[in-house]
C-alpha atoms as a PDB file:
ATOM      1  CA  PRO A   1       9.199 -28.059 -14.422  1.00  0.00           C
ATOM      2  CA  GLU A   2       6.906 -29.070 -11.272  1.00  0.00           C
ATOM      3  CA  LEU A   3       6.144 -25.462 -10.771  1.00  0.00           C
ATOM      4  CA  GLY A   4       3.839 -25.279 -13.742  1.00  0.00           C
ATOM      5  CA  GLU A   5       3.419 -22.518 -16.551  1.00  0.00           C
ATOM      6  CA  GLU A   6       1.410 -19.924 -14.403  1.00  0.00           C
ATOM      7  CA  ILE A   7       4.103 -19.750 -11.883  1.00  0.00           C
ATOM      8  CA  HIS A   8       6.979 -19.841 -14.657  1.00  0.00           C
ATOM      9  CA  GLN A   9       5.381 -16.829 -16.262  1.00  0.00           C
ATOM     10  CA  LYS A  10       5.101 -14.821 -13.329  1.00  0.00           C
ATOM     11  CA  LEU A  11       8.587 -15.471 -12.050  1.00  0.00           C
ATOM     12  CA  HIS A  12      10.200 -14.705 -15.608  1.00  0.00           C
ATOM     13  CA  ALA A  13       8.113 -11.556 -15.703  1.00  0.00           C
ATOM     14  CA  TYR A  14       9.507 -10.571 -12.294  1.00  0.00           C
ATOM     15  CA  PHE A  15      12.947 -11.532 -13.566  1.00  0.00           C
ATOM     16  CA  ILE A  16      12.662  -8.941 -16.506  1.00  0.00           C
ATOM     17  CA  GLU A  17      11.684  -6.293 -14.222  1.00  0.00           C
ATOM     18  CA  LEU A  18      14.383  -7.038 -11.867  1.00  0.00           C
ATOM     19  CA  ILE A  19      17.124  -6.790 -14.571  1.00  0.00           C
ATOM     20  CA  HIS A  20      15.252  -3.843 -16.300  1.00  0.00           C
ATOM     21  CA  PHE A  21      15.216  -1.402 -13.111  1.00  0.00           C
ATOM     22  CA  ASN A  22      18.714  -2.855 -11.551  1.00  0.00           C
ATOM     23  CA  GLY A  23      20.594  -0.014 -13.294  1.00  0.00           C
ATOM     24  CA  ARG A  24      18.456   2.484 -11.748  1.00  0.00           C
ATOM     25  CA  ILE A  25      18.205   1.495  -8.332  1.00  0.00           C
ATOM     26  CA  ASN A  26      20.639  -1.020  -7.617  1.00  0.00           C
ATOM     27  CA  LEU A  27      18.427  -3.891  -6.676  1.00  0.00           C
ATOM     28  CA  ILE A  28      21.187  -6.746  -7.399  1.00  0.00           C
ATOM     29  CA  SER A  29      25.009  -6.851  -7.844  1.00  0.00           C
ATOM     30  CA  PRO A  30      25.565  -5.936 -11.387  1.00  0.00           C
ATOM     31  CA  ARG A  31      28.016  -8.849 -11.365  1.00  0.00           C
ATOM     32  CA  THR A  32      25.393 -11.478 -10.875  1.00  0.00           C
ATOM     33  CA  GLU A  33      22.923 -10.025 -13.598  1.00  0.00           C
ATOM     34  CA  ALA A  34      24.007 -12.774 -16.253  1.00  0.00           C
ATOM     35  CA  GLU A  35      23.047 -15.593 -13.630  1.00  0.00           C
ATOM     36  CA  ALA A  36      20.192 -13.865 -11.874  1.00  0.00           C
ATOM     37  CA  ASP A  37      17.740 -16.563 -12.726  1.00  0.00           C
ATOM     38  CA  ARG A  38      20.233 -19.160 -10.781  1.00  0.00           C
ATOM     39  CA  ILE A  39      21.649 -17.001  -8.048  1.00  0.00           C
ATOM     40  CA  HIS A  40      18.821 -15.133  -6.976  1.00  0.00           C
ATOM     41  CA  ILE A  41      15.410 -16.429  -8.393  1.00  0.00           C
ATOM     42  CA  ALA A  42      16.285 -20.234  -7.956  1.00  0.00           C
ATOM     43  CA  ASP A  43      17.946 -19.807  -4.549  1.00  0.00           C
ATOM     44  CA  SER A  44      14.754 -17.715  -3.413  1.00  0.00           C
ATOM     45  CA  ILE A  45      12.575 -20.934  -4.932  1.00  0.00           C
ATOM     46  CA  MET A  46      14.638 -23.517  -2.789  1.00  0.00           C
ATOM     47  CA  ALA A  47      14.504 -21.432   0.399  1.00  0.00           C
ATOM     48  CA  ALA A  48      10.790 -20.459  -0.223  1.00  0.00           C
ATOM     49  CA  ARG A  49       9.988 -24.105  -0.041  1.00  0.00           C
ATOM     50  CA  ILE A  50      11.492 -25.003   3.025  1.00  0.00           C
ATOM     51  CA  ILE A  51      10.222 -21.552   4.746  1.00  0.00           C
ATOM     52  CA  LEU A  52       6.754 -21.952   3.662  1.00  0.00           C
ATOM     53  CA  ASP A  53       6.466 -25.611   4.417  1.00  0.00           C
ATOM     54  CA  ALA A  54       7.854 -24.609   8.166  1.00  0.00           C
ATOM     55  CA  ALA A  55       5.599 -21.456   8.500  1.00  0.00           C
ATOM     56  CA  HIS A  56       2.204 -21.890  10.183  1.00  0.00           C
ATOM     57  CA  THR A  57       1.008 -18.322   9.779  1.00  0.00           C
ATOM     58  CA  THR A  58      -0.957 -16.632   6.957  1.00  0.00           C
ATOM     59  CA  GLU A  59       1.227 -13.512   7.130  1.00  0.00           C
ATOM     60  CA  ILE A  60       4.901 -13.227   6.545  1.00  0.00           C
ATOM     61  CA  PHE A  61       7.304 -10.376   6.813  1.00  0.00           C
ATOM     62  CA  ASP A  62      10.162 -10.055   4.440  1.00  0.00           C
ATOM     63  CA  ILE A  63      12.336  -7.747   6.142  1.00  0.00           C
ATOM     64  CA  GLY A  64      14.600  -5.460   4.115  1.00  0.00           C
ATOM     65  CA  SER A  65      12.908  -6.793   1.162  1.00  0.00           C
ATOM     66  CA  GLY A  66      14.359  -4.131  -1.249  1.00  0.00           C
ATOM     67  CA  ASN A  67      14.323  -6.059  -4.575  1.00  0.00           C
ATOM     68  CA  GLY A  68      11.614  -8.498  -3.584  1.00  0.00           C
ATOM     69  CA  LEU A  69      13.768 -11.567  -2.880  1.00  0.00           C
ATOM     70  CA  PRO A  70      12.501 -13.753  -1.519  1.00  0.00           C
ATOM     71  CA  GLY A  71       9.012 -12.143  -0.675  1.00  0.00           C
ATOM     72  CA  ILE A  72       7.806 -11.776  -4.268  1.00  0.00           C
ATOM     73  CA  VAL A  73       8.871 -15.454  -5.110  1.00  0.00           C
ATOM     74  CA  MET A  74       7.103 -16.828  -1.764  1.00  0.00           C
ATOM     75  CA  ALA A  75       4.154 -15.030  -2.943  1.00  0.00           C
ATOM     76  CA  VAL A  76       4.083 -16.274  -6.428  1.00  0.00           C
ATOM     77  CA  LEU A  77       4.447 -19.871  -5.026  1.00  0.00           C
ATOM     78  CA  ASP A  78       1.764 -19.548  -2.205  1.00  0.00           C
ATOM     79  CA  PRO A  79      -1.012 -17.192  -3.081  1.00  0.00           C
ATOM     80  CA  SER A  80      -2.744 -18.161   0.401  1.00  0.00           C
ATOM     81  CA  LYS A  81       0.092 -16.301   2.286  1.00  0.00           C
ATOM     82  CA  GLN A  82       0.119 -12.653   2.620  1.00  0.00           C
ATOM     83  CA  ILE A  83       3.712 -11.376   2.097  1.00  0.00           C
ATOM     84  CA  VAL A  84       4.506  -7.909   3.728  1.00  0.00           C
ATOM     85  CA  LEU A  85       7.470  -6.587   1.885  1.00  0.00           C
ATOM     86  CA  LEU A  86       9.265  -4.121   4.425  1.00  0.00           C
ATOM     87  CA  ASP A  87      12.078  -1.665   3.233  1.00  0.00           C
ATOM     88  CA  LYS A  88      13.028   1.976   4.240  1.00  0.00           C
ATOM     89  CA  ASP A  89      14.151   2.873   0.741  1.00  0.00           C
ATOM     90  CA  ALA A  90      10.907   4.591  -1.086  1.00  0.00           C
ATOM     91  CA  ARG A  91      12.369   4.090  -4.679  1.00  0.00           C
ATOM     92  CA  LYS A  92      12.535   0.075  -3.816  1.00  0.00           C
ATOM     93  CA  VAL A  93       9.189   0.105  -2.410  1.00  0.00           C
ATOM     94  CA  GLU A  94       7.780   1.895  -5.552  1.00  0.00           C
ATOM     95  CA  PHE A  95       9.631  -1.048  -7.411  1.00  0.00           C
ATOM     96  CA  LEU A  96       7.972  -3.620  -5.465  1.00  0.00           C
ATOM     97  CA  LYS A  97       4.664  -2.192  -6.008  1.00  0.00           C
ATOM     98  CA  HIS A  98       5.102  -1.994  -9.649  1.00  0.00           C
ATOM     99  CA  VAL A  99       6.236  -5.501  -9.951  1.00  0.00           C
ATOM    100  CA  ALA A 100       3.226  -6.812  -8.022  1.00  0.00           C
ATOM    101  CA  SER A 101       1.030  -4.940 -10.346  1.00  0.00           C
ATOM    102  CA  ARG A 102       2.890  -5.965 -13.493  1.00  0.00           C
ATOM    103  CA  ILE A 103       2.960  -9.772 -12.561  1.00  0.00           C
ATOM    104  CA  GLY A 104      -0.467  -9.722 -11.250  1.00  0.00           C
ATOM    105  CA  VAL A 105       0.328 -10.889  -7.680  1.00  0.00           C
ATOM    106  CA  ASP A 106      -2.153  -9.507  -5.131  1.00  0.00           C
ATOM    107  CA  ASN A 107      -0.933 -11.012  -1.942  1.00  0.00           C
ATOM    108  CA  VAL A 108       1.952  -8.906  -1.337  1.00  0.00           C
ATOM    109  CA  HIS A 109       1.939  -5.402   0.619  1.00  0.00           C
ATOM    110  CA  PRO A 110       4.849  -3.177   0.024  1.00  0.00           C
ATOM    111  CA  VAL A 111       5.654  -1.137   3.040  1.00  0.00           C
ATOM    112  CA  GLN A 112       8.093   1.690   3.437  1.00  0.00           C
ATOM    113  CA  LYS A 113       9.159   1.839   7.010  1.00  0.00           C
ATOM    114  CA  ARG A 114      12.189   1.083   9.191  1.00  0.00           C
ATOM    115  CA  VAL A 115      12.147  -2.405  11.132  1.00  0.00           C
ATOM    116  CA  GLU A 116      12.386  -0.292  14.549  1.00  0.00           C
ATOM    117  CA  GLU A 117       8.900   1.584  13.661  1.00  0.00           C
ATOM    118  CA  LEU A 118       7.025  -1.580  13.678  1.00  0.00           C
ATOM    119  CA  PRO A 119       4.289  -2.007  16.255  1.00  0.00           C
ATOM    120  CA  GLU A 120       5.491  -4.027  19.205  1.00  0.00           C
ATOM    121  CA  GLY A 121       4.537  -7.593  18.798  1.00  0.00           C
ATOM    122  CA  VAL A 122       3.300  -7.208  15.488  1.00  0.00           C
ATOM    123  CA  VAL A 123       5.454  -9.885  13.620  1.00  0.00           C
ATOM    124  CA  GLN A 124       4.793 -13.542  13.910  1.00  0.00           C
ATOM    125  CA  CYS A 125       6.652 -14.781  11.120  1.00  0.00           C
ATOM    126  CA  ALA A 126       9.392 -13.259   9.203  1.00  0.00           C
ATOM    127  CA  VAL A 127      12.286 -13.943   6.404  1.00  0.00           C
ATOM    128  CA  SER A 128      15.208 -11.929   5.468  1.00  0.00           C
ATOM    129  CA  ARG A 129      18.000 -12.409   2.726  1.00  0.00           C
ATOM    130  CA  GLY A 130      21.079 -10.398   2.902  1.00  0.00           C
ATOM    131  CA  PHE A 131      19.713  -8.175   5.682  1.00  0.00           C
ATOM    132  CA  ALA A 132      21.841  -8.491   8.161  1.00  0.00           C
ATOM    133  CA  SER A 133      23.879 -11.084  10.552  1.00  0.00           C
ATOM    134  CA  ILE A 134      21.752 -13.342  12.451  1.00  0.00           C
ATOM    135  CA  SER A 135      22.901 -11.534  15.647  1.00  0.00           C
ATOM    136  CA  LYS A 136      21.898  -8.053  14.158  1.00  0.00           C
ATOM    137  CA  ALA A 137      18.749  -9.308  13.002  1.00  0.00           C
ATOM    138  CA  ILE A 138      17.268 -10.593  15.884  1.00  0.00           C
ATOM    139  CA  LEU A 139      18.432  -7.529  17.974  1.00  0.00           C
ATOM    140  CA  THR A 140      16.690  -5.339  15.600  1.00  0.00           C
ATOM    141  CA  MET A 141      13.415  -7.387  15.607  1.00  0.00           C
ATOM    142  CA  ARG A 142      13.231  -8.107  19.139  1.00  0.00           C
ATOM    143  CA  LYS A 143      10.426  -5.663  19.869  1.00  0.00           C
ATOM    144  CA  SER A 144       8.319  -6.036  16.718  1.00  0.00           C
ATOM    145  CA  CYS A 145       8.421  -9.987  17.052  1.00  0.00           C
ATOM    146  CA  GLY A 146       5.711 -11.631  19.486  1.00  0.00           C
ATOM    147  CA  LEU A 147       6.321 -14.510  21.664  1.00  0.00           C
ATOM    148  CA  ASP A 148       6.709 -17.969  19.589  1.00  0.00           C
ATOM    149  CA  ALA A 149       7.402 -15.821  16.397  1.00  0.00           C
ATOM    150  CA  LYS A 150       9.627 -17.529  13.678  1.00  0.00           C
ATOM    151  CA  TYR A 151      12.264 -15.420  12.069  1.00  0.00           C
ATOM    152  CA  PHE A 152      13.997 -17.405   9.166  1.00  0.00           C
ATOM    153  CA  HIS A 153      17.391 -16.470   7.860  1.00  0.00           C
ATOM    154  CA  MET A 154      18.817 -17.403   4.361  1.00  0.00           C
ATOM    155  CA  LYS A 155      22.296 -18.177   4.795  1.00  0.00           C
ATOM    156  CA  SER A 156      25.467 -19.750   3.086  1.00  0.00           C
ATOM    157  CA  ASP A 157      27.374 -22.268   4.845  1.00  0.00           C
ATOM    158  CA  SER A 158      28.649 -19.733   7.209  1.00  0.00           C
ATOM    159  CA  TRP A 159      25.529 -20.120   9.297  1.00  0.00           C
ATOM    160  CA  VAL A 160      27.468 -22.028  12.049  1.00  0.00           C
ATOM    161  CA  ARG A 161      29.787 -18.933  12.706  1.00  0.00           C
ATOM    162  CA  GLU A 162      26.878 -16.641  12.759  1.00  0.00           C
ATOM    163  CA  VAL A 163      24.843 -18.693  15.226  1.00  0.00           C
ATOM    164  CA  ALA A 164      28.020 -18.877  17.573  1.00  0.00           C
ATOM    165  CA  GLN A 165      28.384 -15.108  17.276  1.00  0.00           C
ATOM    166  CA  ILE A 166      24.812 -14.448  18.886  1.00  0.00           C
ATOM    167  CA  PRO A 167      25.297 -12.821  22.307  1.00  0.00           C
ATOM    168  CA  SER A 168      24.531 -14.962  25.493  1.00  0.00           C
ATOM    169  CA  GLN A 169      21.824 -12.398  26.550  1.00  0.00           C
ATOM    170  CA  ALA A 170      19.973 -12.637  23.208  1.00  0.00           C
ATOM    171  CA  CYS A 171      20.063 -16.514  23.655  1.00  0.00           C
ATOM    172  CA  ALA A 172      17.456 -15.958  26.649  1.00  0.00           C
ATOM    173  CA  PHE A 173      15.037 -14.573  23.937  1.00  0.00           C
ATOM    174  CA  TRP A 174      15.927 -16.557  20.791  1.00  0.00           C
ATOM    175  CA  GLU A 175      16.292 -20.252  20.174  1.00  0.00           C
ATOM    176  CA  PRO A 176      18.259 -20.677  16.797  1.00  0.00           C
ATOM    177  CA  ALA A 177      17.979 -24.236  14.764  1.00  0.00           C
ATOM    178  CA  LEU A 178      18.744 -25.074  11.054  1.00  0.00           C
ATOM    179  CA  VAL A 179      15.593 -26.172   9.123  1.00  0.00           C
ATOM    180  CA  GLY A 180      16.876 -26.728   5.884  1.00  0.00           C
ATOM    181  CA  GLU A 181      19.846 -27.042   3.567  1.00  0.00           C
ATOM    182  CA  TYR A 182      19.837 -26.715  -0.570  1.00  0.00           C
ATOM    183  CA  LYS A 183      22.164 -26.633  -3.438  1.00  0.00           C
ATOM    184  CA  LEU A 184      21.576 -24.295  -6.506  1.00  0.00           C
ATOM    185  CA  PRO A 185      21.408 -25.890 -10.006  1.00  0.00           C
ATOM    186  CA  ASP A 186      24.697 -26.630 -11.319  1.00  0.00           C
ATOM    187  CA  SER A 187      26.467 -25.435  -8.225  1.00  0.00           C
ATOM    188  CA  ASP A 188      28.301 -27.190  -5.417  1.00  0.00           C
ATOM    189  CA  ALA A 189      27.712 -24.390  -2.891  1.00  0.00           C
ATOM    190  CA  SER A 190      25.445 -25.403  -0.027  1.00  0.00           C
ATOM    191  CA  PHE A 191      22.905 -22.931   1.212  1.00  0.00           C
ATOM    192  CA  SER A 192      20.876 -23.061   4.430  1.00  0.00           C
ATOM    193  CA  VAL A 193      17.597 -21.726   6.284  1.00  0.00           C
ATOM    194  CA  VAL A 194      18.150 -20.920   9.796  1.00  0.00           C
ATOM    195  CA  LEU A 195      15.377 -20.468  12.148  1.00  0.00           C
ATOM    196  CA  THR A 196      15.440 -18.353  15.220  1.00  0.00           C
ATOM    197  CA  LYS A 197      12.434 -18.712  17.396  1.00  0.00           C
ATOM    198  CA  LYS A 198      11.274 -16.038  19.919  1.00  0.00           C
ATOM    199  CA  ILE A 199      11.142 -17.911  23.313  1.00  0.00           C
ATOM    200  CA  GLN A 200      10.345 -14.863  25.692  1.00  0.00           C
END
């Protein structure tokens, strides 16, 4: 309720488009459609609050954005942030452009590009949801993230195992830390936001 009517309307419009296009371009698992508002939208809202509070840059990259989660939600919640929605799939990038226009959000920038094609050091803040394991994600982003860059990962309670699996050589470049935990409505499952900070 505290989000306000305008934000509710935009998120509802996004939800409608997400379900409408899902059968064509596989945006979310069909098994989660019936509870997409809780499993996907609420999840992104809860995580976005933590990330937006901890991010101190005006530009945030949503890596492997695809369906716009959490990037679209973050853009709706905080119009002062510029959200780059990065994905290699042309159809998904077109979906993101369509959604941004449909719900009237002008602080998102859908980009069709592989992570490896980003310029060196261009990213100072990033987030990903379901993109890859933490180890794989930070290895992929090593070149594109500048010094002191913050990379937020939306994870289940298995985040401890993922952090433990980070190669020792990667720990020389990245410092992991838990920045927040939350539960979804009507659920006992715990979810976490893990930060990896580029230290050299």
